Amino acid sequence: MTALNPIIVIPARMQATRLPGKPLADICGEPMIVHVWRRAMQAGIGPVVVACSEPQVFDAVYAHGGNAVMTDPDHPSGSDRVWEAVEKLDPDRAYDAVVNVQGDLPTLEPSVIRAVFAPLETPGVDIATLVTEITIDEERTNPNVVKAVVSLAPGQRVGRALYFSRATVPANAGPHYHHIGLYAYRRESLRRFVDLPQGVLETREKLEQLRALENGMRIDCALVDTVPLGVDTPADLERARVLLAGYQAKR
């Protein structure tokens, strides 16, 4: 199989419901989006671009040496924003894989980005994503923790996703897996995905990835050790500041 040539795209928008303006939230003297961009660069798998919907985010990324592109502010999802950015930046189709890194993960380990890209090396995989084993009992029944039904034998680090749900699945004894919303796509798979209408199960569960499964696309999941800190609230932001301050103090 020919090696894939990926590009990393970070969708970012200012209109977050719980933490408006969060791409520009200050963390240790720099905007959050810059921290995410820098960690994506450290993954070392390809160029990194921020897909912006507001000029102030665009300007902040460029001011810190990054690359950004303006996209339609009215996109219904980050996937649509990522696709527009790829098409604008690469009309000659030099990049045949796309890694979608969320813009609110300032403490994300570069190794996790490499992990989500790795399953695309298997022929037939359209989309790759991440899971981690649930170790806190409350998370098994929490509908805000999305569960991935993926068959992983002991020692396996990658398995095929069969379903995603807010319910506690599968039944009976055994591990449950927390889905982590980072994705890597073959470029043609991303094009197909954003062109598909919403699915029945997607609408019911409010989970975009079910659109792919409902239409016969293959999703493989890589197992990682922890859930990255997503910054959705002021409390999350404070935690990120503490973590990154500690990281910088050790350098």
C-alpha atoms as a PDB file:
ATOM      1  CA  MET A   1       0.000   0.000   0.000  1.00  0.00           C
ATOM      2  CA  THR A   2       1.276   3.472  -0.894  1.00  0.00           C
ATOM      3  CA  ALA A   3       2.030   5.617   2.158  1.00  0.00           C
ATOM      4  CA  LEU A   4      -0.567   8.292   2.848  1.00  0.00           C
ATOM      5  CA  ASN A   5       0.282  11.983   2.734  1.00  0.00           C
ATOM      6  CA  PRO A   6      -1.782  13.649   5.486  1.00  0.00           C
ATOM      7  CA  ILE A   7      -2.654  17.205   6.386  1.00  0.00           C
ATOM      8  CA  ILE A   8      -3.870  18.180   9.883  1.00  0.00           C
ATOM      9  CA  VAL A   9      -6.784  20.622  10.036  1.00  0.00           C
ATOM     10  CA  ILE A  10      -7.965  22.288  13.255  1.00  0.00           C
ATOM     11  CA  PRO A  11     -11.499  23.747  12.988  1.00  0.00           C
ATOM     12  CA  ALA A  12     -12.025  26.768  15.232  1.00  0.00           C
ATOM     13  CA  ARG A  13     -14.986  29.060  15.812  1.00  0.00           C
ATOM     14  CA  MET A  14     -15.652  31.746  18.396  1.00  0.00           C
ATOM     15  CA  GLN A  15     -19.355  31.052  19.021  1.00  0.00           C
ATOM     16  CA  ALA A  16     -19.083  28.252  21.579  1.00  0.00           C
ATOM     17  CA  THR A  17     -22.203  28.134  23.765  1.00  0.00           C
ATOM     18  CA  ARG A  18     -20.572  27.444  27.129  1.00  0.00           C
ATOM     19  CA  LEU A  19     -17.318  29.361  26.586  1.00  0.00           C
ATOM     20  CA  PRO A  20     -17.688  32.034  23.890  1.00  0.00           C
ATOM     21  CA  GLY A  21     -14.445  33.129  22.251  1.00  0.00           C
ATOM     22  CA  LYS A  22     -12.548  30.111  23.516  1.00  0.00           C
ATOM     23  CA  PRO A  23     -10.058  29.828  20.583  1.00  0.00           C
ATOM     24  CA  LEU A  24      -8.538  33.095  21.813  1.00  0.00           C
ATOM     25  CA  ALA A  25      -8.764  32.308  25.529  1.00  0.00           C
ATOM     26  CA  ASP A  26      -5.419  33.130  27.140  1.00  0.00           C
ATOM     27  CA  ILE A  27      -3.385  30.199  28.424  1.00  0.00           C
ATOM     28  CA  CYS A  28       0.048  31.080  29.758  1.00  0.00           C
ATOM     29  CA  GLY A  29       0.254  34.159  27.556  1.00  0.00           C
ATOM     30  CA  GLU A  30      -0.903  32.623  24.283  1.00  0.00           C
ATOM     31  CA  PRO A  31      -4.321  31.921  22.710  1.00  0.00           C
ATOM     32  CA  MET A  32      -5.631  28.392  23.185  1.00  0.00           C
ATOM     33  CA  ILE A  33      -5.726  27.778  19.436  1.00  0.00           C
ATOM     34  CA  VAL A  34      -1.979  28.442  19.245  1.00  0.00           C
ATOM     35  CA  HIS A  35      -1.309  25.773  21.875  1.00  0.00           C
ATOM     36  CA  VAL A  36      -3.377  23.273  19.862  1.00  0.00           C
ATOM     37  CA  TRP A  37      -1.623  24.236  16.606  1.00  0.00           C
ATOM     38  CA  ARG A  38       1.797  23.809  18.238  1.00  0.00           C
ATOM     39  CA  ARG A  39       0.960  20.332  19.559  1.00  0.00           C
ATOM     40  CA  ALA A  40      -0.344  19.286  16.155  1.00  0.00           C
ATOM     41  CA  MET A  41       2.928  20.451  14.619  1.00  0.00           C
ATOM     42  CA  GLN A  42       4.838  18.374  17.164  1.00  0.00           C
ATOM     43  CA  ALA A  43       3.028  15.258  15.943  1.00  0.00           C
ATOM     44  CA  GLY A  44       5.256  15.473  12.869  1.00  0.00           C
ATOM     45  CA  ILE A  45       2.933  13.724  10.417  1.00  0.00           C
ATOM     46  CA  GLY A  46       2.164  16.586   8.050  1.00  0.00           C
ATOM     47  CA  PRO A  47       1.436  20.308   7.690  1.00  0.00           C
ATOM     48  CA  VAL A  48      -1.069  21.918  10.056  1.00  0.00           C
ATOM     49  CA  VAL A  49      -3.698  24.533   9.213  1.00  0.00           C
ATOM     50  CA  VAL A  50      -6.381  26.174  11.358  1.00  0.00           C
ATOM     51  CA  ALA A  51      -9.785  26.422   9.647  1.00  0.00           C
ATOM     52  CA  CYS A  52     -11.192  29.705  10.992  1.00  0.00           C
ATOM     53  CA  SER A  53     -14.589  31.337  10.767  1.00  0.00           C
ATOM     54  CA  GLU A  54     -13.521  34.704  12.233  1.00  0.00           C
ATOM     55  CA  PRO A  55     -10.663  37.000  11.171  1.00  0.00           C
ATOM     56  CA  GLN A  56      -9.377  37.515  14.727  1.00  0.00           C
ATOM     57  CA  VAL A  57      -8.591  33.795  15.017  1.00  0.00           C
ATOM     58  CA  PHE A  58      -6.919  33.867  11.601  1.00  0.00           C
ATOM     59  CA  ASP A  59      -4.779  36.823  12.684  1.00  0.00           C
ATOM     60  CA  ALA A  60      -3.811  35.218  15.995  1.00  0.00           C
ATOM     61  CA  VAL A  61      -2.609  32.032  14.301  1.00  0.00           C
ATOM     62  CA  TYR A  62      -0.521  33.930  11.760  1.00  0.00           C
ATOM     63  CA  ALA A  63       0.906  36.210  14.459  1.00  0.00           C
ATOM     64  CA  HIS A  64       2.381  33.118  16.127  1.00  0.00           C
ATOM     65  CA  GLY A  65       3.823  31.654  12.934  1.00  0.00           C
ATOM     66  CA  GLY A  66       0.984  29.295  12.045  1.00  0.00           C
ATOM     67  CA  ASN A  67      -1.055  28.749   8.892  1.00  0.00           C
ATOM     68  CA  ALA A  68      -4.793  29.422   8.716  1.00  0.00           C
ATOM     69  CA  VAL A  69      -7.616  29.653   6.190  1.00  0.00           C
ATOM     70  CA  MET A  70     -10.964  31.417   6.396  1.00  0.00           C
ATOM     71  CA  THR A  71     -14.082  29.251   6.036  1.00  0.00           C
ATOM     72  CA  ASP A  72     -17.842  29.780   5.983  1.00  0.00           C
ATOM     73  CA  PRO A  73     -19.037  30.696   9.506  1.00  0.00           C
ATOM     74  CA  ASP A  74     -22.365  28.923   8.920  1.00  0.00           C
ATOM     75  CA  HIS A  75     -21.069  25.370   8.520  1.00  0.00           C
ATOM     76  CA  PRO A  76     -23.254  22.872  10.432  1.00  0.00           C
ATOM     77  CA  SER A  77     -20.271  20.868  11.706  1.00  0.00           C
ATOM     78  CA  GLY A  78     -16.518  20.847  12.109  1.00  0.00           C
ATOM     79  CA  SER A  79     -16.268  18.161   9.426  1.00  0.00           C
ATOM     80  CA  ASP A  80     -17.786  20.515   6.855  1.00  0.00           C
ATOM     81  CA  ARG A  81     -15.379  23.261   7.907  1.00  0.00           C
ATOM     82  CA  VAL A  82     -12.418  20.902   7.598  1.00  0.00           C
ATOM     83  CA  TRP A  83     -13.501  19.808   4.121  1.00  0.00           C
ATOM     84  CA  GLU A  84     -13.808  23.405   2.892  1.00  0.00           C
ATOM     85  CA  ALA A  85     -10.335  24.184   4.233  1.00  0.00           C
ATOM     86  CA  VAL A  86      -8.770  21.171   2.512  1.00  0.00           C
ATOM     87  CA  GLU A  87     -10.404  21.990  -0.819  1.00  0.00           C
ATOM     88  CA  LYS A  88      -9.263  25.626  -0.623  1.00  0.00           C
ATOM     89  CA  LEU A  89      -5.696  24.824   0.385  1.00  0.00           C
ATOM     90  CA  ASP A  90      -5.099  21.811  -1.810  1.00  0.00           C
ATOM     91  CA  PRO A  91      -7.033  21.977  -5.099  1.00  0.00           C
ATOM     92  CA  ASP A  92      -4.377  19.771  -6.717  1.00  0.00           C
ATOM     93  CA  ARG A  93      -5.104  17.006  -4.201  1.00  0.00           C
ATOM     94  CA  ALA A  94      -1.563  16.484  -2.958  1.00  0.00           C
ATOM     95  CA  TYR A  95      -2.916  15.371   0.437  1.00  0.00           C
ATOM     96  CA  ASP A  96      -4.858  12.117   0.434  1.00  0.00           C
ATOM     97  CA  ALA A  97      -5.580  11.928   4.167  1.00  0.00           C
ATOM     98  CA  VAL A  98      -6.984  14.483   6.606  1.00  0.00           C
ATOM     99  CA  VAL A  99      -6.614  14.519  10.401  1.00  0.00           C
ATOM    100  CA  ASN A 100      -9.275  16.570  12.202  1.00  0.00           C
ATOM    101  CA  VAL A 101      -7.963  17.850  15.547  1.00  0.00           C
ATOM    102  CA  GLN A 102     -10.451  19.754  17.691  1.00  0.00           C
ATOM    103  CA  GLY A 103      -9.439  23.308  18.538  1.00  0.00           C
ATOM    104  CA  ASP A 104     -10.200  23.015  22.257  1.00  0.00           C
ATOM    105  CA  LEU A 105      -7.530  20.447  23.198  1.00  0.00           C
ATOM    106  CA  PRO A 106      -4.567  22.569  24.312  1.00  0.00           C
ATOM    107  CA  THR A 107      -2.927  19.802  26.369  1.00  0.00           C
ATOM    108  CA  LEU A 108      -3.258  17.143  23.664  1.00  0.00           C
ATOM    109  CA  GLU A 109      -0.240  14.852  23.429  1.00  0.00           C
ATOM    110  CA  PRO A 110       1.289  14.710  19.921  1.00  0.00           C
ATOM    111  CA  SER A 111       1.431  10.921  20.262  1.00  0.00           C
ATOM    112  CA  VAL A 112      -2.385  10.848  20.395  1.00  0.00           C
ATOM    113  CA  ILE A 113      -2.550  12.598  17.011  1.00  0.00           C
ATOM    114  CA  ARG A 114      -0.193  10.010  15.589  1.00  0.00           C
ATOM    115  CA  ALA A 115      -2.355   7.269  17.114  1.00  0.00           C
ATOM    116  CA  VAL A 116      -5.546   8.448  15.370  1.00  0.00           C
ATOM    117  CA  PHE A 117      -3.797   8.527  12.003  1.00  0.00           C
ATOM    118  CA  ALA A 118      -2.260   5.045  12.260  1.00  0.00           C
ATOM    119  CA  PRO A 119      -5.397   2.930  11.482  1.00  0.00           C
ATOM    120  CA  LEU A 120      -5.671   4.494   8.014  1.00  0.00           C
ATOM    121  CA  GLU A 121      -2.626   2.458   7.042  1.00  0.00           C
ATOM    122  CA  THR A 122      -4.964  -0.553   6.842  1.00  0.00           C
ATOM    123  CA  PRO A 123      -6.599  -0.892   3.407  1.00  0.00           C
ATOM    124  CA  GLY A 124     -10.354  -0.446   3.506  1.00  0.00           C
ATOM    125  CA  VAL A 125     -10.477   1.855   6.530  1.00  0.00           C
ATOM    126  CA  ASP A 126     -12.362   5.037   5.645  1.00  0.00           C
ATOM    127  CA  ILE A 127     -12.203   6.817   8.993  1.00  0.00           C
ATOM    128  CA  ALA A 128     -10.065   6.373  12.101  1.00  0.00           C
ATOM    129  CA  THR A 129     -10.856   7.570  15.601  1.00  0.00           C
ATOM    130  CA  LEU A 130      -9.873   6.926  19.220  1.00  0.00           C
ATOM    131  CA  VAL A 131     -11.193   5.111  22.282  1.00  0.00           C
ATOM    132  CA  THR A 132     -10.037   4.592  25.837  1.00  0.00           C
ATOM    133  CA  GLU A 133     -11.273   2.029  28.341  1.00  0.00           C
ATOM    134  CA  ILE A 134     -13.781   3.361  30.865  1.00  0.00           C
ATOM    135  CA  THR A 135     -12.490   2.936  34.418  1.00  0.00           C
ATOM    136  CA  ILE A 136     -14.986   5.138  36.311  1.00  0.00           C
ATOM    137  CA  ASP A 137     -18.295   3.342  36.842  1.00  0.00           C
ATOM    138  CA  GLU A 138     -20.405   6.518  36.594  1.00  0.00           C
ATOM    139  CA  GLU A 139     -19.183   7.051  33.022  1.00  0.00           C
ATOM    140  CA  ARG A 140     -20.730   3.762  31.890  1.00  0.00           C
ATOM    141  CA  THR A 141     -24.226   5.170  32.359  1.00  0.00           C
ATOM    142  CA  ASN A 142     -23.521   8.859  31.687  1.00  0.00           C
ATOM    143  CA  PRO A 143     -25.165   9.809  28.356  1.00  0.00           C
ATOM    144  CA  ASN A 144     -22.577  12.552  27.867  1.00  0.00           C
ATOM    145  CA  VAL A 145     -19.886   9.882  27.651  1.00  0.00           C
ATOM    146  CA  VAL A 146     -20.208   8.350  24.193  1.00  0.00           C
ATOM    147  CA  LYS A 147     -19.552   4.635  24.139  1.00  0.00           C
ATOM    148  CA  ALA A 148     -17.903   2.878  21.198  1.00  0.00           C
ATOM    149  CA  VAL A 149     -18.806  -0.726  20.479  1.00  0.00           C
ATOM    150  CA  VAL A 150     -15.528  -2.108  19.192  1.00  0.00           C
ATOM    151  CA  SER A 151     -14.244  -5.654  19.351  1.00  0.00           C
ATOM    152  CA  LEU A 152     -10.783  -5.551  20.918  1.00  0.00           C
ATOM    153  CA  ALA A 153      -9.157  -8.796  22.030  1.00  0.00           C
ATOM    154  CA  PRO A 154      -6.646  -8.636  24.910  1.00  0.00           C
ATOM    155  CA  GLY A 155      -3.483  -6.957  23.642  1.00  0.00           C
ATOM    156  CA  GLN A 156      -5.135  -5.438  20.577  1.00  0.00           C
ATOM    157  CA  ARG A 157      -4.717  -1.689  20.064  1.00  0.00           C
ATOM    158  CA  VAL A 158      -6.906  -1.237  16.959  1.00  0.00           C
ATOM    159  CA  GLY A 159     -10.361  -2.641  16.233  1.00  0.00           C
ATOM    160  CA  ARG A 160     -13.312  -2.042  13.941  1.00  0.00           C
ATOM    161  CA  ALA A 161     -16.156   0.109  15.256  1.00  0.00           C
ATOM    162  CA  LEU A 162     -19.561  -1.566  15.081  1.00  0.00           C
ATOM    163  CA  TYR A 163     -21.637   1.174  16.731  1.00  0.00           C
ATOM    164  CA  PHE A 164     -21.508   4.316  18.889  1.00  0.00           C
ATOM    165  CA  SER A 165     -24.089   5.149  21.535  1.00  0.00           C
ATOM    166  CA  ARG A 166     -24.894   7.287  24.545  1.00  0.00           C
ATOM    167  CA  ALA A 167     -26.336   4.158  26.157  1.00  0.00           C
ATOM    168  CA  THR A 168     -24.312   1.544  28.047  1.00  0.00           C
ATOM    169  CA  VAL A 169     -23.282  -0.890  25.344  1.00  0.00           C
ATOM    170  CA  PRO A 170     -22.384  -3.677  24.888  1.00  0.00           C
ATOM    171  CA  ALA A 171     -24.293  -5.629  27.539  1.00  0.00           C
ATOM    172  CA  ASN A 172     -22.909  -7.883  30.251  1.00  0.00           C
ATOM    173  CA  ALA A 173     -19.422  -8.108  31.755  1.00  0.00           C
ATOM    174  CA  GLY A 174     -16.403  -6.767  29.942  1.00  0.00           C
ATOM    175  CA  PRO A 175     -14.749  -3.489  29.053  1.00  0.00           C
ATOM    176  CA  HIS A 176     -16.621  -0.447  27.830  1.00  0.00           C
ATOM    177  CA  TYR A 177     -14.881   2.123  25.656  1.00  0.00           C
ATOM    178  CA  HIS A 178     -15.165   5.896  25.828  1.00  0.00           C
ATOM    179  CA  HIS A 179     -15.116   7.419  22.338  1.00  0.00           C
ATOM    180  CA  ILE A 180     -12.717  10.351  21.851  1.00  0.00           C
ATOM    181  CA  GLY A 181     -13.781  12.742  19.110  1.00  0.00           C
ATOM    182  CA  LEU A 182     -10.604  13.002  17.047  1.00  0.00           C
ATOM    183  CA  TYR A 183     -10.795  11.702  13.492  1.00  0.00           C
ATOM    184  CA  ALA A 184      -8.591  10.883  10.538  1.00  0.00           C
ATOM    185  CA  TYR A 185     -10.098  10.386   7.087  1.00  0.00           C
ATOM    186  CA  ARG A 186      -9.020   9.268   3.704  1.00  0.00           C
ATOM    187  CA  ARG A 187      -9.659  12.366   1.640  1.00  0.00           C
ATOM    188  CA  GLU A 188     -12.264  10.681  -0.563  1.00  0.00           C
ATOM    189  CA  SER A 189     -13.999   9.315   2.520  1.00  0.00           C
ATOM    190  CA  LEU A 190     -14.271  12.807   4.006  1.00  0.00           C
ATOM    191  CA  ARG A 191     -15.718  14.096   0.727  1.00  0.00           C
ATOM    192  CA  ARG A 192     -18.279  11.316   0.722  1.00  0.00           C
ATOM    193  CA  PHE A 193     -19.115  11.828   4.395  1.00  0.00           C
ATOM    194  CA  VAL A 194     -19.886  15.548   4.176  1.00  0.00           C
ATOM    195  CA  ASP A 195     -22.045  14.946   1.078  1.00  0.00           C
ATOM    196  CA  LEU A 196     -24.247  12.383   2.864  1.00  0.00           C
ATOM    197  CA  PRO A 197     -27.577  13.405   4.390  1.00  0.00           C
ATOM    198  CA  GLN A 198     -28.076  13.001   8.131  1.00  0.00           C
ATOM    199  CA  GLY A 199     -28.849   9.420   9.094  1.00  0.00           C
ATOM    200  CA  VAL A 200     -31.741   8.057  11.115  1.00  0.00           C
ATOM    201  CA  LEU A 201     -29.529   6.813  13.942  1.00  0.00           C
ATOM    202  CA  GLU A 202     -27.341   9.907  13.796  1.00  0.00           C
ATOM    203  CA  THR A 203     -30.404  12.053  14.421  1.00  0.00           C
ATOM    204  CA  ARG A 204     -31.622   9.798  17.222  1.00  0.00           C
ATOM    205  CA  GLU A 205     -28.324   9.502  19.114  1.00  0.00           C
ATOM    206  CA  LYS A 206     -27.023  12.980  18.146  1.00  0.00           C
ATOM    207  CA  LEU A 207     -23.762  11.359  17.005  1.00  0.00           C
ATOM    208  CA  GLU A 208     -22.380  12.440  13.640  1.00  0.00           C
ATOM    209  CA  GLN A 209     -20.145   9.383  13.200  1.00  0.00           C
ATOM    210  CA  LEU A 210     -23.204   7.135  12.901  1.00  0.00           C
ATOM    211  CA  ARG A 211     -23.863   8.714   9.494  1.00  0.00           C
ATOM    212  CA  ALA A 212     -20.745   6.965   8.238  1.00  0.00           C
ATOM    213  CA  LEU A 213     -21.699   3.578   9.689  1.00  0.00           C
ATOM    214  CA  GLU A 214     -25.273   3.836   8.385  1.00  0.00           C
ATOM    215  CA  ASN A 215     -23.847   4.274   4.895  1.00  0.00           C
ATOM    216  CA  GLY A 216     -21.456   1.343   5.004  1.00  0.00           C
ATOM    217  CA  MET A 217     -18.251   3.234   5.714  1.00  0.00           C
ATOM    218  CA  ARG A 218     -15.609   1.534   7.827  1.00  0.00           C
ATOM    219  CA  ILE A 219     -14.398   3.175  11.047  1.00  0.00           C
ATOM    220  CA  ASP A 220     -11.464   1.711  12.968  1.00  0.00           C
ATOM    221  CA  CYS A 221     -10.650   2.762  16.533  1.00  0.00           C
ATOM    222  CA  ALA A 222      -7.203   3.040  18.097  1.00  0.00           C
ATOM    223  CA  LEU A 223      -6.966   2.423  21.832  1.00  0.00           C
ATOM    224  CA  VAL A 224      -5.186   5.115  23.869  1.00  0.00           C
ATOM    225  CA  ASP A 225      -4.613   5.454  27.597  1.00  0.00           C
ATOM    226  CA  THR A 226      -6.462   8.648  28.553  1.00  0.00           C
ATOM    227  CA  VAL A 227      -9.121  11.112  27.415  1.00  0.00           C
ATOM    228  CA  PRO A 228      -7.570  14.453  26.365  1.00  0.00           C
ATOM    229  CA  LEU A 229      -8.790  17.497  28.295  1.00  0.00           C
ATOM    230  CA  GLY A 230     -11.404  19.312  26.236  1.00  0.00           C
ATOM    231  CA  VAL A 231     -11.939  22.948  27.230  1.00  0.00           C
ATOM    232  CA  ASP A 232     -15.703  23.573  27.297  1.00  0.00           C
ATOM    233  CA  THR A 233     -16.191  25.582  30.497  1.00  0.00           C
ATOM    234  CA  PRO A 234     -14.343  28.203  32.569  1.00  0.00           C
ATOM    235  CA  ALA A 235     -13.348  25.433  34.986  1.00  0.00           C
ATOM    236  CA  ASP A 236     -11.807  23.420  32.124  1.00  0.00           C
ATOM    237  CA  LEU A 237      -9.896  26.520  31.054  1.00  0.00           C
ATOM    238  CA  GLU A 238      -8.434  26.976  34.518  1.00  0.00           C
ATOM    239  CA  ARG A 239      -7.388  23.333  34.607  1.00  0.00           C
ATOM    240  CA  ALA A 240      -5.668  23.701  31.233  1.00  0.00           C
ATOM    241  CA  ARG A 241      -3.811  26.771  32.492  1.00  0.00           C
ATOM    242  CA  VAL A 242      -2.529  24.842  35.503  1.00  0.00           C
ATOM    243  CA  LEU A 243      -1.450  21.855  33.419  1.00  0.00           C
ATOM    244  CA  LEU A 244       0.337  23.916  30.792  1.00  0.00           C
ATOM    245  CA  ALA A 245       2.008  26.133  33.388  1.00  0.00           C
ATOM    246  CA  GLY A 246       3.383  22.983  34.984  1.00  0.00           C
ATOM    247  CA  TYR A 247       4.536  21.652  31.625  1.00  0.00           C
ATOM    248  CA  GLN A 248       6.328  24.898  30.802  1.00  0.00           C
ATOM    249  CA  ALA A 249       7.993  24.996  34.231  1.00  0.00           C
ATOM    250  CA  LYS A 250       9.591  21.595  33.553  1.00  0.00           C
ATOM    251  CA  ARG A 251      11.087  22.633  30.220  1.00  0.00           C
END
